[in-house]
């Protein structure tokens, strides 16, 4: 059915305010299909939609998550040779699978989501 403007209503898609924010979170999984896409696609979505307040808020959070995750993975892999890095590595992998889903759910509701990071370089 069409709306008053004659356009078909959209679900949470890339054109709605919260839809872009949802895709910023879910695009973290793009790395499963294409190496490094999980790092570049969310950043590209964020930077191309900075005028959207939802995309700006969620994009900064995903960027901070990617910085934290990259540093954490590098340190954990280095410490894995001493065995002590295996637990933090496992925790980071599990968090990288679960947190984007929580972020996408919050974004679809128009709510902020904070990834569990120890620092935020992008304010």
PDB file of N, CA and C in Angstrom:
ATOM      1  N   UNK A   1       0.822  -1.186   0.000  1.00  0.00           N
ATOM      2  CA  UNK A   1       0.000   0.000   0.000  1.00  0.00           C
ATOM      3  C   UNK A   1       0.866   1.250   0.000  1.00  0.00           C
ATOM      4  N   UNK A   2       0.400   2.260  -0.648  1.00  0.00           N
ATOM      5  CA  UNK A   2       1.140   3.512  -0.740  1.00  0.00           C
ATOM      6  C   UNK A   2       0.788   4.423   0.418  1.00  0.00           C
ATOM      7  N   UNK A   3       1.723   5.311   0.745  1.00  0.00           N
ATOM      8  CA  UNK A   3       1.480   6.306   1.779  1.00  0.00           C
ATOM      9  C   UNK A   3       0.838   7.516   1.132  1.00  0.00           C
ATOM     10  N   UNK A   4       0.588   8.574   1.910  1.00  0.00           N
ATOM     11  CA  UNK A   4      -0.033   9.773   1.373  1.00  0.00           C
ATOM     12  C   UNK A   4       0.795  10.398   0.263  1.00  0.00           C
ATOM     13  N   UNK A   5       2.124  10.266   0.351  1.00  0.00           N
ATOM     14  CA  UNK A   5       2.971  10.852  -0.680  1.00  0.00           C
ATOM     15  C   UNK A   5       3.003   9.996  -1.940  1.00  0.00           C
ATOM     16  N   UNK A   6       2.389   8.820  -1.892  1.00  0.00           N
ATOM     17  CA  UNK A   6       2.372   7.936  -3.044  1.00  0.00           C
ATOM     18  C   UNK A   6       3.508   6.934  -3.053  1.00  0.00           C
ATOM     19  N   UNK A   7       4.444   7.087  -2.116  1.00  0.00           N
ATOM     20  CA  UNK A   7       5.576   6.163  -2.056  1.00  0.00           C
ATOM     21  C   UNK A   7       5.209   4.968  -1.187  1.00  0.00           C
ATOM     22  N   UNK A   8       5.759   3.847  -1.530  1.00  0.00           N
ATOM     23  CA  UNK A   8       5.515   2.650  -0.727  1.00  0.00           C
ATOM     24  C   UNK A   8       6.252   2.786   0.599  1.00  0.00           C
ATOM     25  N   UNK A   9       5.641   2.364   1.705  1.00  0.00           N
ATOM     26  CA  UNK A   9       6.329   2.444   2.988  1.00  0.00           C
ATOM     27  C   UNK A   9       7.496   1.471   3.004  1.00  0.00           C
ATOM     28  N   UNK A  10       8.564   1.894   3.672  1.00  0.00           N
ATOM     29  CA  UNK A  10       9.731   1.024   3.713  1.00  0.00           C
ATOM     30  C   UNK A  10       9.881   0.423   5.098  1.00  0.00           C
ATOM     31  N   UNK A  11      10.387  -0.793   5.115  1.00  0.00           N
ATOM     32  CA  UNK A  11      10.753  -1.409   6.382  1.00  0.00           C
ATOM     33  C   UNK A  11      12.058  -0.746   6.804  1.00  0.00           C
ATOM     34  N   UNK A  12      12.723  -1.309   7.794  1.00  0.00           N
ATOM     35  CA  UNK A  12      13.988  -0.722   8.194  1.00  0.00           C
ATOM     36  C   UNK A  12      14.981  -1.023   7.088  1.00  0.00           C
ATOM     37  N   UNK A  13      15.074  -0.109   6.172  1.00  0.00           N
ATOM     38  CA  UNK A  13      15.965  -0.265   5.032  1.00  0.00           C
ATOM     39  C   UNK A  13      17.023   0.807   5.050  1.00  0.00           C
ATOM     40  N   UNK A  14      17.838   0.825   4.026  1.00  0.00           N
ATOM     41  CA  UNK A  14      18.950   1.757   3.972  1.00  0.00           C
ATOM     42  C   UNK A  14      18.495   3.197   3.811  1.00  0.00           C
ATOM     43  N   UNK A  15      17.236   3.436   3.503  1.00  0.00           N
ATOM     44  CA  UNK A  15      16.784   4.809   3.307  1.00  0.00           C
ATOM     45  C   UNK A  15      16.202   5.419   4.567  1.00  0.00           C
ATOM     46  N   UNK A  16      15.758   4.633   5.513  1.00  0.00           N
ATOM     47  CA  UNK A  16      15.199   5.196   6.735  1.00  0.00           C
ATOM     48  C   UNK A  16      16.322   5.667   7.648  1.00  0.00           C
ATOM     49  N   UNK A  17      15.965   6.540   8.571  1.00  0.00           N
ATOM     50  CA  UNK A  17      16.955   7.109   9.482  1.00  0.00           C
ATOM     51  C   UNK A  17      17.650   6.024  10.300  1.00  0.00           C
ATOM     52  N   UNK A  18      16.872   5.114  10.877  1.00  0.00           N
ATOM     53  CA  UNK A  18      17.476   4.061  11.691  1.00  0.00           C
ATOM     54  C   UNK A  18      18.006   2.925  10.825  1.00  0.00           C
ATOM     55  N   UNK A  19      17.518   2.815   9.581  1.00  0.00           N
ATOM     56  CA  UNK A  19      17.964   1.737   8.700  1.00  0.00           C
ATOM     57  C   UNK A  19      19.439   1.811   8.376  1.00  0.00           C
ATOM     58  N   UNK A  20      19.940   3.014   8.157  1.00  0.00           N
ATOM     59  CA  UNK A  20      21.373   3.173   7.880  1.00  0.00           C
ATOM     60  C   UNK A  20      22.173   2.732   9.097  1.00  0.00           C
ATOM     61  N   UNK A  21      21.721   3.121  10.284  1.00  0.00           N
ATOM     62  CA  UNK A  21      22.420   2.745  11.513  1.00  0.00           C
ATOM     63  C   UNK A  21      22.418   1.228  11.699  1.00  0.00           C
ATOM     64  N   UNK A  22      21.315   0.580  11.372  1.00  0.00           N
ATOM     65  CA  UNK A  22      21.245  -0.882  11.464  1.00  0.00           C
ATOM     66  C   UNK A  22      22.275  -1.505  10.532  1.00  0.00           C
ATOM     67  N   UNK A  23      22.342  -1.010   9.301  1.00  0.00           N
ATOM     68  CA  UNK A  23      23.289  -1.568   8.334  1.00  0.00           C
ATOM     69  C   UNK A  23      24.732  -1.291   8.697  1.00  0.00           C
ATOM     70  N   UNK A  24      24.988  -0.195   9.403  1.00  0.00           N
ATOM     71  CA  UNK A  24      26.356   0.070   9.870  1.00  0.00           C
ATOM     72  C   UNK A  24      26.794  -1.046  10.810  1.00  0.00           C
ATOM     73  N   UNK A  25      25.905  -1.451  11.712  1.00  0.00           N
ATOM     74  CA  UNK A  25      26.245  -2.540  12.641  1.00  0.00           C
ATOM     75  C   UNK A  25      26.342  -3.879  11.913  1.00  0.00           C
ATOM     76  N   UNK A  26      25.354  -4.191  11.094  1.00  0.00           N
ATOM     77  CA  UNK A  26      25.331  -5.502  10.428  1.00  0.00           C
ATOM     78  C   UNK A  26      26.432  -5.646   9.383  1.00  0.00           C
ATOM     79  N   UNK A  27      26.903  -4.537   8.844  1.00  0.00           N
ATOM     80  CA  UNK A  27      27.956  -4.626   7.830  1.00  0.00           C
ATOM     81  C   UNK A  27      29.293  -5.072   8.428  1.00  0.00           C
ATOM     82  N   UNK A  28      29.384  -5.125   9.748  1.00  0.00           N
ATOM     83  CA  UNK A  28      30.583  -5.691  10.364  1.00  0.00           C
ATOM     84  C   UNK A  28      30.771  -7.153   9.961  1.00  0.00           C
ATOM     85  N   UNK A  29      29.679  -7.819   9.605  1.00  0.00           N
ATOM     86  CA  UNK A  29      29.747  -9.216   9.172  1.00  0.00           C
ATOM     87  C   UNK A  29      30.183  -9.368   7.715  1.00  0.00           C
ATOM     88  N   UNK A  30      30.360  -8.282   6.987  1.00  0.00           N
ATOM     89  CA  UNK A  30      30.757  -8.353   5.581  1.00  0.00           C
ATOM     90  C   UNK A  30      32.122  -9.020   5.416  1.00  0.00           C
ATOM     91  N   UNK A  31      32.939  -8.966   6.449  1.00  0.00           N
ATOM     92  CA  UNK A  31      34.248  -9.598   6.406  1.00  0.00           C
ATOM     93  C   UNK A  31      34.188 -11.109   6.294  1.00  0.00           C
ATOM     94  N   UNK A  32      33.040 -11.679   6.587  1.00  0.00           N
ATOM     95  CA  UNK A  32      32.874 -13.124   6.436  1.00  0.00           C
ATOM     96  C   UNK A  32      32.921 -13.501   4.954  1.00  0.00           C
ATOM     97  N   UNK A  33      32.379 -12.631   4.121  1.00  0.00           N
ATOM     98  CA  UNK A  33      32.333 -12.899   2.682  1.00  0.00           C
ATOM     99  C   UNK A  33      33.552 -12.375   1.937  1.00  0.00           C
ATOM    100  N   UNK A  34      33.982 -11.183   2.289  1.00  0.00           N
ATOM    101  CA  UNK A  34      35.106 -10.542   1.608  1.00  0.00           C
ATOM    102  C   UNK A  34      36.099 -10.077   2.675  1.00  0.00           C
ATOM    103  N   UNK A  35      37.342 -10.534   2.615  1.00  0.00           N
ATOM    104  CA  UNK A  35      38.319 -10.124   3.630  1.00  0.00           C
ATOM    105  C   UNK A  35      38.409  -8.600   3.763  1.00  0.00           C
ATOM    106  N   UNK A  36      38.446  -8.129   4.977  1.00  0.00           N
ATOM    107  CA  UNK A  36      38.562  -6.719   5.362  1.00  0.00           C
ATOM    108  C   UNK A  36      37.319  -5.885   5.057  1.00  0.00           C
ATOM    109  N   UNK A  37      36.324  -6.441   4.417  1.00  0.00           N
ATOM    110  CA  UNK A  37      35.103  -5.677   4.139  1.00  0.00           C
ATOM    111  C   UNK A  37      34.392  -5.312   5.439  1.00  0.00           C
ATOM    112  N   UNK A  38      34.523  -6.140   6.452  1.00  0.00           N
ATOM    113  CA  UNK A  38      33.906  -5.865   7.740  1.00  0.00           C
ATOM    114  C   UNK A  38      34.489  -4.647   8.426  1.00  0.00           C
ATOM    115  N   UNK A  39      35.658  -4.210   7.973  1.00  0.00           N
ATOM    116  CA  UNK A  39      36.251  -2.983   8.510  1.00  0.00           C
ATOM    117  C   UNK A  39      35.898  -1.779   7.650  1.00  0.00           C
ATOM    118  N   UNK A  40      35.897  -1.962   6.345  1.00  0.00           N
ATOM    119  CA  UNK A  40      35.738  -0.822   5.450  1.00  0.00           C
ATOM    120  C   UNK A  40      34.282  -0.472   5.139  1.00  0.00           C
ATOM    121  N   UNK A  41      33.413  -1.458   5.029  1.00  0.00           N
ATOM    122  CA  UNK A  41      32.014  -1.186   4.686  1.00  0.00           C
ATOM    123  C   UNK A  41      31.321  -0.361   5.775  1.00  0.00           C
ATOM    124  N   UNK A  42      31.446  -0.705   7.072  1.00  0.00           N
ATOM    125  CA  UNK A  42      30.779   0.123   8.089  1.00  0.00           C
ATOM    126  C   UNK A  42      31.291   1.570   8.097  1.00  0.00           C
ATOM    127  N   UNK A  43      32.602   1.731   7.918  1.00  0.00           N
ATOM    128  CA  UNK A  43      33.177   3.076   7.910  1.00  0.00           C
ATOM    129  C   UNK A  43      32.668   3.855   6.697  1.00  0.00           C
ATOM    130  N   UNK A  44      32.598   3.193   5.537  1.00  0.00           N
ATOM    131  CA  UNK A  44      32.093   3.852   4.328  1.00  0.00           C
ATOM    132  C   UNK A  44      30.627   4.250   4.494  1.00  0.00           C
ATOM    133  N   UNK A  45      29.823   3.373   5.085  1.00  0.00           N
ATOM    134  CA  UNK A  45      28.410   3.702   5.341  1.00  0.00           C
ATOM    135  C   UNK A  45      28.286   4.895   6.279  1.00  0.00           C
ATOM    136  N   UNK A  46      29.091   4.888   7.315  1.00  0.00           N
ATOM    137  CA  UNK A  46      29.061   5.986   8.283  1.00  0.00           C
ATOM    138  C   UNK A  46      29.462   7.303   7.621  1.00  0.00           C
ATOM    139  N   UNK A  47      30.586   7.301   6.929  1.00  0.00           N
ATOM    140  CA  UNK A  47      31.076   8.540   6.343  1.00  0.00           C
ATOM    141  C   UNK A  47      30.166   9.076   5.236  1.00  0.00           C
ATOM    142  N   UNK A  48      29.476   8.188   4.536  1.00  0.00           N
ATOM    143  CA  UNK A  48      28.587   8.647   3.474  1.00  0.00           C
ATOM    144  C   UNK A  48      27.217   9.087   3.999  1.00  0.00           C
ATOM    145  N   UNK A  49      26.968   8.866   5.289  1.00  0.00           N
ATOM    146  CA  UNK A  49      25.676   9.244   5.886  1.00  0.00           C
ATOM    147  C   UNK A  49      25.855  10.087   7.142  1.00  0.00           C
ATOM    148  N   UNK A  50      26.910  10.880   7.206  1.00  0.00           N
ATOM    149  CA  UNK A  50      27.199  11.660   8.419  1.00  0.00           C
ATOM    150  C   UNK A  50      26.147  12.712   8.724  1.00  0.00           C
ATOM    151  N   UNK A  51      25.372  13.131   7.735  1.00  0.00           N
ATOM    152  CA  UNK A  51      24.323  14.121   7.983  1.00  0.00           C
ATOM    153  C   UNK A  51      23.158  13.518   8.759  1.00  0.00           C
ATOM    154  N   UNK A  52      23.081  12.191   8.796  1.00  0.00           N
ATOM    155  CA  UNK A  52      22.037  11.478   9.527  1.00  0.00           C
ATOM    156  C   UNK A  52      22.503  11.315  10.982  1.00  0.00           C
ATOM    157  N   UNK A  53      21.793  11.921  11.961  1.00  0.00           N
ATOM    158  CA  UNK A  53      22.241  11.838  13.362  1.00  0.00           C
ATOM    159  C   UNK A  53      22.358  10.407  13.884  1.00  0.00           C
ATOM    160  N   UNK A  54      21.434   9.527  13.474  1.00  0.00           N
ATOM    161  CA  UNK A  54      21.511   8.121  13.908  1.00  0.00           C
ATOM    162  C   UNK A  54      22.763   7.453  13.339  1.00  0.00           C
ATOM    163  N   UNK A  55      23.013   7.674  12.060  1.00  0.00           N
ATOM    164  CA  UNK A  55      24.191   7.080  11.422  1.00  0.00           C
ATOM    165  C   UNK A  55      25.469   7.631  12.042  1.00  0.00           C
ATOM    166  N   UNK A  56      25.473   8.910  12.363  1.00  0.00           N
ATOM    167  CA  UNK A  56      26.655   9.528  12.982  1.00  0.00           C
ATOM    168  C   UNK A  56      26.952   8.898  14.344  1.00  0.00           C
ATOM    169  N   UNK A  57      25.924   8.768  15.169  1.00  0.00           N
ATOM    170  CA  UNK A  57      26.098   8.210  16.509  1.00  0.00           C
ATOM    171  C   UNK A  57      26.559   6.749  16.440  1.00  0.00           C
ATOM    172  N   UNK A  58      25.872   5.947  15.653  1.00  0.00           N
ATOM    173  CA  UNK A  58      26.201   4.529  15.578  1.00  0.00           C
ATOM    174  C   UNK A  58      27.509   4.298  14.806  1.00  0.00           C
ATOM    175  N   UNK A  59      27.782   5.135  13.821  1.00  0.00           N
ATOM    176  CA  UNK A  59      29.030   5.022  13.064  1.00  0.00           C
ATOM    177  C   UNK A  59      30.249   5.261  13.939  1.00  0.00           C
ATOM    178  N   UNK A  60      30.179   6.276  14.794  1.00  0.00           N
ATOM    179  CA  UNK A  60      31.298   6.541  15.716  1.00  0.00           C
ATOM    180  C   UNK A  60      31.509   5.359  16.654  1.00  0.00           C
ATOM    181  N   UNK A  61      30.418   4.802  17.130  1.00  0.00           N
ATOM    182  CA  UNK A  61      30.520   3.674  18.060  1.00  0.00           C
ATOM    183  C   UNK A  61      31.135   2.459  17.374  1.00  0.00           C
ATOM    184  N   UNK A  62      30.731   2.179  16.134  1.00  0.00           N
ATOM    185  CA  UNK A  62      31.299   1.052  15.392  1.00  0.00           C
ATOM    186  C   UNK A  62      32.768   1.311  15.083  1.00  0.00           C
ATOM    187  N   UNK A  63      33.126   2.549  14.745  1.00  0.00           N
ATOM    188  CA  UNK A  63      34.527   2.875  14.477  1.00  0.00           C
ATOM    189  C   UNK A  63      35.376   2.650  15.725  1.00  0.00           C
ATOM    190  N   UNK A  64      34.880   3.085  16.878  1.00  0.00           N
ATOM    191  CA  UNK A  64      35.604   2.837  18.132  1.00  0.00           C
ATOM    192  C   UNK A  64      35.725   1.344  18.417  1.00  0.00           C
ATOM    193  N   UNK A  65      34.673   0.598  18.142  1.00  0.00           N
ATOM    194  CA  UNK A  65      34.696  -0.851  18.328  1.00  0.00           C
ATOM    195  C   UNK A  65      35.761  -1.479  17.439  1.00  0.00           C
ATOM    196  N   UNK A  66      35.840  -1.045  16.184  1.00  0.00           N
ATOM    197  CA  UNK A  66      36.836  -1.606  15.261  1.00  0.00           C
ATOM    198  C   UNK A  66      38.257  -1.301  15.714  1.00  0.00           C
ATOM    199  N   UNK A  67      38.486  -0.099  16.226  1.00  0.00           N
ATOM    200  CA  UNK A  67      39.820   0.254  16.739  1.00  0.00           C
ATOM    201  C   UNK A  67      40.156  -0.626  17.929  1.00  0.00           C
ATOM    202  N   UNK A  68      39.225  -0.722  18.877  1.00  0.00           N
ATOM    203  CA  UNK A  68      39.437  -1.545  20.070  1.00  0.00           C
ATOM    204  C   UNK A  68      39.649  -3.010  19.697  1.00  0.00           C
ATOM    205  N   UNK A  69      38.824  -3.517  18.799  1.00  0.00           N
ATOM    206  CA  UNK A  69      38.907  -4.915  18.391  1.00  0.00           C
ATOM    207  C   UNK A  69      40.234  -5.213  17.695  1.00  0.00           C
ATOM    208  N   UNK A  70      40.678  -4.321  16.831  1.00  0.00           N
ATOM    209  CA  UNK A  70      41.949  -4.524  16.129  1.00  0.00           C
ATOM    210  C   UNK A  70      43.122  -4.568  17.104  1.00  0.00           C
ATOM    211  N   UNK A  71      43.161  -3.606  18.018  1.00  0.00           N
ATOM    212  CA  UNK A  71      44.238  -3.586  19.018  1.00  0.00           C
ATOM    213  C   UNK A  71      44.157  -4.830  19.900  1.00  0.00           C
ATOM    214  N   UNK A  72      42.948  -5.165  20.345  1.00  0.00           N
ATOM    215  CA  UNK A  72      42.772  -6.342  21.200  1.00  0.00           C
ATOM    216  C   UNK A  72      43.173  -7.636  20.515  1.00  0.00           C
ATOM    217  N   UNK A  73      42.831  -7.775  19.231  1.00  0.00           N
ATOM    218  CA  UNK A  73      43.205  -8.987  18.499  1.00  0.00           C
ATOM    219  C   UNK A  73      44.711  -9.086  18.299  1.00  0.00           C
ATOM    220  N   UNK A  74      45.350  -7.971  18.000  1.00  0.00           N
ATOM    221  CA  UNK A  74      46.807  -7.976  17.815  1.00  0.00           C
ATOM    222  C   UNK A  74      47.500  -8.391  19.111  1.00  0.00           C
ATOM    223  N   UNK A  75      47.101  -7.793  20.221  1.00  0.00           N
ATOM    224  CA  UNK A  75      47.702  -8.122  21.519  1.00  0.00           C
ATOM    225  C   UNK A  75      47.399  -9.572  21.897  1.00  0.00           C
ATOM    226  N   UNK A  76      46.164 -10.014  21.703  1.00  0.00           N
ATOM    227  CA  UNK A  76      45.783 -11.387  22.066  1.00  0.00           C
ATOM    228  C   UNK A  76      46.523 -12.422  21.229  1.00  0.00           C
ATOM    229  N   UNK A  77      46.645 -12.181  19.936  1.00  0.00           N
ATOM    230  CA  UNK A  77      47.368 -13.125  19.079  1.00  0.00           C
ATOM    231  C   UNK A  77      48.835 -13.176  19.486  1.00  0.00           C
ATOM    232  N   UNK A  78      49.427 -12.013  19.778  1.00  0.00           N
ATOM    233  CA  UNK A  78      50.827 -11.988  20.213  1.00  0.00           C
ATOM    234  C   UNK A  78      51.001 -12.761  21.524  1.00  0.00           C
ATOM    235  N   UNK A  79      50.073 -12.597  22.451  1.00  0.00           N
ATOM    236  CA  UNK A  79      50.154 -13.294  23.734  1.00  0.00           C
ATOM    237  C   UNK A  79      49.745 -14.762  23.639  1.00  0.00           C
ATOM    238  N   UNK A  80      49.106 -15.139  22.550  1.00  0.00           N
ATOM    239  CA  UNK A  80      48.709 -16.538  22.377  1.00  0.00           C
ATOM    240  C   UNK A  80      49.914 -17.458  22.289  1.00  0.00           C
ATOM    241  N   UNK A  81      51.028 -16.923  21.843  1.00  0.00           N
ATOM    242  CA  UNK A  81      52.244 -17.737  21.786  1.00  0.00           C
ATOM    243  C   UNK A  81      52.725 -18.082  23.186  1.00  0.00           C
ATOM    244  N   UNK A  82      52.292 -17.316  24.174  1.00  0.00           N
ATOM    245  CA  UNK A  82      52.610 -17.608  25.570  1.00  0.00           C
ATOM    246  C   UNK A  82      51.419 -18.253  26.284  1.00  0.00           C
ATOM    247  N   UNK A  83      50.422 -18.639  25.548  1.00  0.00           N
ATOM    248  CA  UNK A  83      49.193 -19.294  26.002  1.00  0.00           C
ATOM    249  C   UNK A  83      48.238 -18.320  26.702  1.00  0.00           C
ATOM    250  N   UNK A  84      48.731 -17.260  27.326  1.00  0.00           N
ATOM    251  CA  UNK A  84      47.846 -16.370  28.097  1.00  0.00           C
ATOM    252  C   UNK A  84      46.918 -15.531  27.225  1.00  0.00           C
ATOM    253  N   UNK A  85      47.161 -15.465  25.930  1.00  0.00           N
ATOM    254  CA  UNK A  85      46.321 -14.669  25.064  1.00  0.00           C
ATOM    255  C   UNK A  85      45.117 -15.413  24.509  1.00  0.00           C
ATOM    256  N   UNK A  86      45.025 -16.713  24.783  1.00  0.00           N
ATOM    257  CA  UNK A  86      43.927 -17.493  24.214  1.00  0.00           C
ATOM    258  C   UNK A  86      42.561 -17.116  24.780  1.00  0.00           C
ATOM    259  N   UNK A  87      42.501 -16.845  26.069  1.00  0.00           N
ATOM    260  CA  UNK A  87      41.217 -16.477  26.682  1.00  0.00           C
ATOM    261  C   UNK A  87      40.733 -15.117  26.183  1.00  0.00           C
ATOM    262  N   UNK A  88      41.587 -14.072  26.212  1.00  0.00           N
ATOM    263  CA  UNK A  88      41.111 -12.793  25.655  1.00  0.00           C
ATOM    264  C   UNK A  88      40.766 -12.899  24.166  1.00  0.00           C
ATOM    265  N   UNK A  89      41.492 -13.715  23.433  1.00  0.00           N
ATOM    266  CA  UNK A  89      41.201 -13.902  22.008  1.00  0.00           C
ATOM    267  C   UNK A  89      39.816 -14.522  21.822  1.00  0.00           C
ATOM    268  N   UNK A  90      39.508 -15.539  22.608  1.00  0.00           N
ATOM    269  CA  UNK A  90      38.192 -16.185  22.527  1.00  0.00           C
ATOM    270  C   UNK A  90      37.076 -15.210  22.905  1.00  0.00           C
ATOM    271  N   UNK A  91      37.306 -14.407  23.936  1.00  0.00           N
ATOM    272  CA  UNK A  91      36.304 -13.425  24.365  1.00  0.00           C
ATOM    273  C   UNK A  91      36.062 -12.396  23.266  1.00  0.00           C
ATOM    274  N   UNK A  92      37.132 -11.913  22.643  1.00  0.00           N
ATOM    275  CA  UNK A  92      36.988 -10.923  21.569  1.00  0.00           C
ATOM    276  C   UNK A  92      36.239 -11.497  20.367  1.00  0.00           C
ATOM    277  N   UNK A  93      36.518 -12.742  20.034  1.00  0.00           N
ATOM    278  CA  UNK A  93      35.830 -13.370  18.901  1.00  0.00           C
ATOM    279  C   UNK A  93      34.336 -13.514  19.195  1.00  0.00           C
ATOM    280  N   UNK A  94      34.008 -13.965  20.398  1.00  0.00           N
ATOM    281  CA  UNK A  94      32.598 -14.116  20.779  1.00  0.00           C
ATOM    282  C   UNK A  94      31.904 -12.752  20.787  1.00  0.00           C
ATOM    283  N   UNK A  95      32.563 -11.740  21.343  1.00  0.00           N
ATOM    284  CA  UNK A  95      31.980 -10.397  21.376  1.00  0.00           C
ATOM    285  C   UNK A  95      31.784  -9.838  19.967  1.00  0.00           C
ATOM    286  N   UNK A  96      32.713 -10.146  19.063  1.00  0.00           N
ATOM    287  CA  UNK A  96      32.585  -9.623  17.696  1.00  0.00           C
ATOM    288  C   UNK A  96      31.447 -10.294  16.935  1.00  0.00           C
ATOM    289  N   UNK A  97      31.006 -11.440  17.404  1.00  0.00           N
ATOM    290  CA  UNK A  97      29.852 -12.105  16.795  1.00  0.00           C
ATOM    291  C   UNK A  97      28.527 -11.635  17.389  1.00  0.00           C
ATOM    292  N   UNK A  98      28.529 -11.310  18.673  1.00  0.00           N
ATOM    293  CA  UNK A  98      27.293 -10.984  19.385  1.00  0.00           C
ATOM    294  C   UNK A  98      26.979  -9.490  19.381  1.00  0.00           C
ATOM    295  N   UNK A  99      27.952  -8.651  19.646  1.00  0.00           N
ATOM    296  CA  UNK A  99      27.704  -7.217  19.831  1.00  0.00           C
ATOM    297  C   UNK A  99      27.067  -6.526  18.624  1.00  0.00           C
ATOM    298  N   UNK A 100      27.460  -6.830  17.381  1.00  0.00           N
ATOM    299  CA  UNK A 100      26.792  -6.159  16.260  1.00  0.00           C
ATOM    300  C   UNK A 100      25.282  -6.439  16.196  1.00  0.00           C
ATOM    301  N   UNK A 101      24.864  -7.612  16.636  1.00  0.00           N
ATOM    302  CA  UNK A 101      23.435  -7.925  16.652  1.00  0.00           C
ATOM    303  C   UNK A 101      22.718  -7.026  17.657  1.00  0.00           C
ATOM    304  N   UNK A 102      23.291  -6.887  18.857  1.00  0.00           N
ATOM    305  CA  UNK A 102      22.696  -6.004  19.857  1.00  0.00           C
ATOM    306  C   UNK A 102      22.664  -4.562  19.352  1.00  0.00           C
ATOM    307  N   UNK A 103      23.754  -4.143  18.687  1.00  0.00           N
ATOM    308  CA  UNK A 103      23.803  -2.791  18.137  1.00  0.00           C
ATOM    309  C   UNK A 103      22.740  -2.572  17.077  1.00  0.00           C
ATOM    310  N   UNK A 104      22.541  -3.547  16.209  1.00  0.00           N
ATOM    311  CA  UNK A 104      21.531  -3.431  15.155  1.00  0.00           C
ATOM    312  C   UNK A 104      20.122  -3.381  15.745  1.00  0.00           C
ATOM    313  N   UNK A 105      19.870  -4.176  16.772  1.00  0.00           N
ATOM    314  CA  UNK A 105      18.552  -4.161  17.419  1.00  0.00           C
ATOM    315  C   UNK A 105      18.283  -2.796  18.046  1.00  0.00           C
ATOM    316  N   UNK A 106      19.264  -2.270  18.776  1.00  0.00           N
ATOM    317  CA  UNK A 106      19.102  -0.947  19.382  1.00  0.00           C
ATOM    318  C   UNK A 106      18.926   0.124  18.311  1.00  0.00           C
ATOM    319  N   UNK A 107      19.712   0.040  17.239  1.00  0.00           N
ATOM    320  CA  UNK A 107      19.613   1.029  16.165  1.00  0.00           C
ATOM    321  C   UNK A 107      18.248   0.983  15.498  1.00  0.00           C
ATOM    322  N   UNK A 108      17.684  -0.204  15.338  1.00  0.00           N
ATOM    323  CA  UNK A 108      16.362  -0.319  14.708  1.00  0.00           C
ATOM    324  C   UNK A 108      15.278   0.338  15.549  1.00  0.00           C
ATOM    325  N   UNK A 109      15.521   0.423  16.845  1.00  0.00           N
ATOM    326  CA  UNK A 109      14.575   1.087  17.750  1.00  0.00           C
ATOM    327  C   UNK A 109      14.874   2.578  17.894  1.00  0.00           C
ATOM    328  N   UNK A 110      15.952   3.029  17.267  1.00  0.00           N
ATOM    329  CA  UNK A 110      16.343   4.431  17.385  1.00  0.00           C
ATOM    330  C   UNK A 110      17.063   4.738  18.680  1.00  0.00           C
ATOM    331  N   UNK A 111      17.544   3.710  19.363  1.00  0.00           N
ATOM    332  CA  UNK A 111      18.224   3.871  20.645  1.00  0.00           C
ATOM    333  C   UNK A 111      19.731   3.808  20.452  1.00  0.00           C
ATOM    334  N   UNK A 112      20.492   4.471  21.308  1.00  0.00           N
ATOM    335  CA  UNK A 112      21.957   4.365  21.219  1.00  0.00           C
ATOM    336  C   UNK A 112      22.434   3.007  21.715  1.00  0.00           C
ATOM    337  N   UNK A 113      23.581   2.589  21.232  1.00  0.00           N
ATOM    338  CA  UNK A 113      24.202   1.347  21.708  1.00  0.00           C
ATOM    339  C   UNK A 113      25.674   1.625  21.932  1.00  0.00           C
ATOM    340  N   UNK A 114      26.185   1.198  23.051  1.00  0.00           N
ATOM    341  CA  UNK A 114      27.601   1.371  23.381  1.00  0.00           C
ATOM    342  C   UNK A 114      28.260  -0.006  23.377  1.00  0.00           C
ATOM    343  N   UNK A 115      29.235  -0.170  22.487  1.00  0.00           N
ATOM    344  CA  UNK A 115      30.011  -1.407  22.481  1.00  0.00           C
ATOM    345  C   UNK A 115      30.859  -1.443  23.747  1.00  0.00           C
ATOM    346  N   UNK A 116      31.118  -2.637  24.276  1.00  0.00           N
ATOM    347  CA  UNK A 116      31.913  -2.735  25.511  1.00  0.00           C
ATOM    348  C   UNK A 116      33.407  -2.558  25.226  1.00  0.00           C
ATOM    349  N   UNK A 117      33.822  -1.311  25.138  1.00  0.00           N
ATOM    350  CA  UNK A 117      35.239  -1.004  24.897  1.00  0.00           C
ATOM    351  C   UNK A 117      35.802  -0.229  26.074  1.00  0.00           C
ATOM    352  N   UNK A 118      37.124  -0.289  26.233  1.00  0.00           N
ATOM    353  CA  UNK A 118      37.768   0.372  27.360  1.00  0.00           C
ATOM    354  C   UNK A 118      38.133   1.820  27.053  1.00  0.00           C
ATOM    355  N   UNK A 119      38.139   2.175  25.774  1.00  0.00           N
ATOM    356  CA  UNK A 119      38.470   3.541  25.390  1.00  0.00           C
ATOM    357  C   UNK A 119      37.710   3.904  24.124  1.00  0.00           C
ATOM    358  N   UNK A 120      37.496   5.173  23.929  1.00  0.00           N
ATOM    359  CA  UNK A 120      36.837   5.679  22.726  1.00  0.00           C
ATOM    360  C   UNK A 120      37.706   6.802  22.167  1.00  0.00           C
ATOM    361  N   UNK A 121      38.340   6.558  21.049  1.00  0.00           N
ATOM    362  CA  UNK A 121      39.200   7.561  20.440  1.00  0.00           C
ATOM    363  C   UNK A 121      38.390   8.558  19.616  1.00  0.00           C
ATOM    364  N   UNK A 122      37.248   8.141  19.107  1.00  0.00           N
ATOM    365  CA  UNK A 122      36.391   9.021  18.299  1.00  0.00           C
ATOM    366  C   UNK A 122      35.220   9.440  19.178  1.00  0.00           C
ATOM    367  N   UNK A 123      35.131  10.711  19.455  1.00  0.00           N
ATOM    368  CA  UNK A 123      34.069  11.238  20.342  1.00  0.00           C
ATOM    369  C   UNK A 123      32.918  11.779  19.539  1.00  0.00           C
TER     370      UNK A 123
END
